[in-house]
Amino acid sequence: MYLDVADSSTLPYGWSRYAQFSLAVVNQIHNKYPIRKDTQHQFNGRESDWGFTSFMPLSDLVVEVSQESNWF
């Protein structure tokens, strides 16, 4: 899961922005605890995206969906 600067290739040479942000996966059906990760990054022309290559195990999401909908 990543945060990406929109249209970064059209920004002026030498641009940069510092950001502190959180990314989360939220169960909107039962309002359970979200899985959340906080981070910070200096975005620029060479690094216009930042995030987590492994945010949460897919099996956690699949199990939750199966339990919510009674799928097996």
N, C-alpha and C. Protein backbone atom coordinates (compact mmCIF):
# COMPACT_ATOMS: atom_id res chain seq x y z
N MET A 1 0.86 -1.14 0.00
CA MET A 1 0.00 0.00 0.00
C MET A 1 0.92 1.22 0.00
N TYR A 2 0.63 2.15 -0.91
CA TYR A 2 1.52 3.29 -1.12
C TYR A 2 0.76 4.61 -1.22
N LEU A 3 1.45 5.68 -0.89
CA LEU A 3 1.00 7.03 -1.17
C LEU A 3 1.87 7.53 -2.31
N ASP A 4 1.26 8.09 -3.34
CA ASP A 4 1.98 8.52 -4.54
C ASP A 4 1.61 9.96 -4.87
N VAL A 5 2.60 10.77 -5.23
CA VAL A 5 2.35 12.16 -5.62
C VAL A 5 1.75 12.16 -7.02
N ALA A 6 0.56 12.73 -7.15
CA ALA A 6 -0.12 12.77 -8.44
C ALA A 6 0.63 13.69 -9.41
N ASP A 7 0.76 13.24 -10.65
CA ASP A 7 1.38 14.04 -11.72
C ASP A 7 2.77 14.54 -11.34
N SER A 8 3.54 13.74 -10.64
CA SER A 8 4.86 14.17 -10.17
C SER A 8 5.81 14.53 -11.32
N SER A 9 5.61 13.91 -12.49
CA SER A 9 6.49 14.20 -13.63
C SER A 9 6.27 15.61 -14.18
N THR A 10 5.17 16.24 -13.85
CA THR A 10 4.88 17.59 -14.35
C THR A 10 5.28 18.68 -13.35
N LEU A 11 5.77 18.29 -12.19
CA LEU A 11 6.17 19.29 -11.19
C LEU A 11 7.53 19.89 -11.54
N PRO A 12 7.80 21.10 -11.09
CA PRO A 12 9.06 21.77 -11.44
C PRO A 12 10.28 21.00 -10.94
N TYR A 13 11.39 21.14 -11.68
CA TYR A 13 12.66 20.52 -11.29
C TYR A 13 13.02 20.94 -9.87
N GLY A 14 13.43 19.97 -9.06
CA GLY A 14 13.88 20.24 -7.71
C GLY A 14 12.78 20.28 -6.66
N TRP A 15 11.57 19.96 -7.03
CA TRP A 15 10.47 20.00 -6.07
C TRP A 15 10.69 18.95 -4.99
N SER A 16 10.15 19.20 -3.81
CA SER A 16 10.13 18.20 -2.74
C SER A 16 9.08 18.62 -1.71
N ARG A 17 8.54 17.62 -1.03
CA ARG A 17 7.57 17.85 0.03
C ARG A 17 7.78 16.79 1.10
N TYR A 18 7.75 17.23 2.35
CA TYR A 18 7.83 16.32 3.48
C TYR A 18 6.40 16.01 3.94
N ALA A 19 6.13 14.75 4.23
CA ALA A 19 4.78 14.38 4.67
C ALA A 19 4.87 13.34 5.78
N GLN A 20 3.99 13.47 6.75
CA GLN A 20 3.74 12.45 7.75
C GLN A 20 2.34 11.94 7.46
N PHE A 21 2.17 10.62 7.37
CA PHE A 21 0.86 10.10 7.02
C PHE A 21 0.64 8.71 7.58
N SER A 22 -0.63 8.31 7.60
CA SER A 22 -1.04 6.98 8.05
C SER A 22 -1.80 6.32 6.91
N LEU A 23 -1.60 5.02 6.78
CA LEU A 23 -2.36 4.21 5.84
C LEU A 23 -3.08 3.16 6.67
N ALA A 24 -4.34 2.89 6.34
CA ALA A 24 -5.13 1.97 7.16
C ALA A 24 -6.07 1.13 6.31
N VAL A 25 -6.34 -0.06 6.80
CA VAL A 25 -7.39 -0.93 6.27
C VAL A 25 -8.43 -1.03 7.37
N VAL A 26 -9.67 -0.65 7.05
CA VAL A 26 -10.73 -0.56 8.04
C VAL A 26 -11.87 -1.50 7.67
N ASN A 27 -12.35 -2.25 8.65
CA ASN A 27 -13.54 -3.08 8.45
C ASN A 27 -14.75 -2.16 8.59
N GLN A 28 -15.37 -1.82 7.48
CA GLN A 28 -16.48 -0.87 7.51
C GLN A 28 -17.80 -1.52 7.90
N ILE A 29 -17.84 -2.82 7.97
CA ILE A 29 -19.07 -3.50 8.34
C ILE A 29 -19.22 -3.57 9.85
N HIS A 30 -18.15 -3.93 10.55
CA HIS A 30 -18.24 -4.13 12.00
C HIS A 30 -17.38 -3.18 12.82
N ASN A 31 -16.79 -2.18 12.20
CA ASN A 31 -16.04 -1.17 12.92
C ASN A 31 -14.99 -1.75 13.86
N LYS A 32 -14.37 -2.84 13.46
CA LYS A 32 -13.31 -3.42 14.28
C LYS A 32 -12.07 -2.57 14.16
N TYR A 33 -11.09 -2.90 14.98
CA TYR A 33 -9.85 -2.14 14.97
C TYR A 33 -9.23 -2.14 13.58
N PRO A 34 -8.89 -0.97 13.07
CA PRO A 34 -8.24 -0.93 11.76
C PRO A 34 -6.78 -1.38 11.88
N ILE A 35 -6.25 -1.85 10.80
CA ILE A 35 -4.81 -2.12 10.73
C ILE A 35 -4.22 -0.83 10.17
N ARG A 36 -3.34 -0.21 10.94
CA ARG A 36 -2.83 1.11 10.59
C ARG A 36 -1.32 1.15 10.74
N LYS A 37 -0.68 1.83 9.80
CA LYS A 37 0.76 2.05 9.88
C LYS A 37 1.03 3.52 9.63
N ASP A 38 1.87 4.09 10.47
CA ASP A 38 2.27 5.50 10.36
C ASP A 38 3.67 5.56 9.76
N THR A 39 3.92 6.59 8.98
CA THR A 39 5.25 6.77 8.41
C THR A 39 5.46 8.22 8.04
N GLN A 40 6.63 8.52 7.57
CA GLN A 40 6.97 9.86 7.09
C GLN A 40 7.94 9.71 5.92
N HIS A 41 7.94 10.70 5.04
CA HIS A 41 8.82 10.60 3.87
C HIS A 41 9.02 11.97 3.25
N GLN A 42 10.20 12.18 2.69
CA GLN A 42 10.50 13.38 1.90
C GLN A 42 10.30 12.99 0.43
N PHE A 43 9.18 13.41 -0.13
CA PHE A 43 8.87 13.11 -1.53
C PHE A 43 9.64 14.07 -2.43
N ASN A 44 10.09 13.56 -3.59
CA ASN A 44 10.78 14.39 -4.56
C ASN A 44 10.70 13.72 -5.93
N GLY A 45 11.37 14.28 -6.90
CA GLY A 45 11.32 13.76 -8.27
C GLY A 45 11.80 12.33 -8.41
N ARG A 46 12.72 11.90 -7.57
CA ARG A 46 13.24 10.53 -7.65
C ARG A 46 12.48 9.56 -6.76
N GLU A 47 11.81 10.06 -5.75
CA GLU A 47 11.03 9.22 -4.83
C GLU A 47 9.66 9.84 -4.64
N SER A 48 8.78 9.61 -5.61
CA SER A 48 7.46 10.25 -5.57
C SER A 48 6.39 9.34 -4.97
N ASP A 49 6.80 8.14 -4.51
CA ASP A 49 5.85 7.29 -3.80
C ASP A 49 6.54 6.67 -2.60
N TRP A 50 5.74 6.30 -1.62
CA TRP A 50 6.29 5.71 -0.40
C TRP A 50 5.20 4.91 0.29
N GLY A 51 5.57 3.80 0.87
CA GLY A 51 4.57 3.00 1.57
C GLY A 51 5.15 1.69 2.04
N PHE A 52 4.32 0.67 1.99
CA PHE A 52 4.65 -0.62 2.58
C PHE A 52 4.46 -1.74 1.56
N THR A 53 5.52 -2.46 1.26
CA THR A 53 5.41 -3.58 0.32
C THR A 53 4.64 -4.72 0.94
N SER A 54 4.65 -4.82 2.26
CA SER A 54 3.91 -5.85 2.97
C SER A 54 3.12 -5.18 4.09
N PHE A 55 1.89 -4.77 3.80
CA PHE A 55 1.09 -4.02 4.76
C PHE A 55 0.43 -4.94 5.79
N MET A 56 -0.15 -6.03 5.30
CA MET A 56 -0.78 -7.03 6.17
C MET A 56 -0.86 -8.33 5.40
N PRO A 57 -0.87 -9.46 6.08
CA PRO A 57 -1.00 -10.73 5.37
C PRO A 57 -2.36 -10.83 4.67
N LEU A 58 -2.34 -11.24 3.42
CA LEU A 58 -3.58 -11.41 2.67
C LEU A 58 -4.49 -12.40 3.37
N SER A 59 -3.92 -13.39 4.03
CA SER A 59 -4.72 -14.40 4.73
C SER A 59 -5.58 -13.77 5.83
N ASP A 60 -5.09 -12.70 6.47
CA ASP A 60 -5.90 -12.01 7.49
C ASP A 60 -7.14 -11.38 6.86
N LEU A 61 -6.98 -10.83 5.70
CA LEU A 61 -8.11 -10.20 5.01
C LEU A 61 -9.09 -11.24 4.51
N VAL A 62 -8.60 -12.32 3.96
CA VAL A 62 -9.46 -13.38 3.43
C VAL A 62 -10.24 -14.05 4.56
N VAL A 63 -9.60 -14.33 5.67
CA VAL A 63 -10.28 -14.96 6.80
C VAL A 63 -11.39 -14.03 7.30
N GLU A 64 -11.10 -12.76 7.42
CA GLU A 64 -12.09 -11.79 7.90
C GLU A 64 -13.29 -11.74 6.96
N VAL A 65 -13.06 -11.69 5.67
CA VAL A 65 -14.16 -11.65 4.70
C VAL A 65 -14.97 -12.94 4.78
N SER A 66 -14.32 -14.08 4.90
CA SER A 66 -15.01 -15.35 4.99
C SER A 66 -15.89 -15.42 6.23
N GLN A 67 -15.38 -14.95 7.36
CA GLN A 67 -16.15 -14.98 8.60
C GLN A 67 -17.32 -14.01 8.55
N GLU A 68 -17.13 -12.87 7.91
CA GLU A 68 -18.18 -11.86 7.83
C GLU A 68 -19.36 -12.35 6.99
N SER A 69 -19.08 -13.06 5.92
CA SER A 69 -20.13 -13.42 4.99
C SER A 69 -20.54 -14.89 5.07
N ASN A 70 -19.93 -15.64 6.01
CA ASN A 70 -20.19 -17.06 6.17
C ASN A 70 -19.80 -17.89 4.95
N TRP A 71 -18.78 -17.42 4.21
CA TRP A 71 -18.25 -18.20 3.09
C TRP A 71 -17.23 -19.18 3.63
N PHE A 72 -17.10 -20.31 2.98
CA PHE A 72 -16.12 -21.30 3.44
C PHE A 72 -15.23 -21.72 2.31
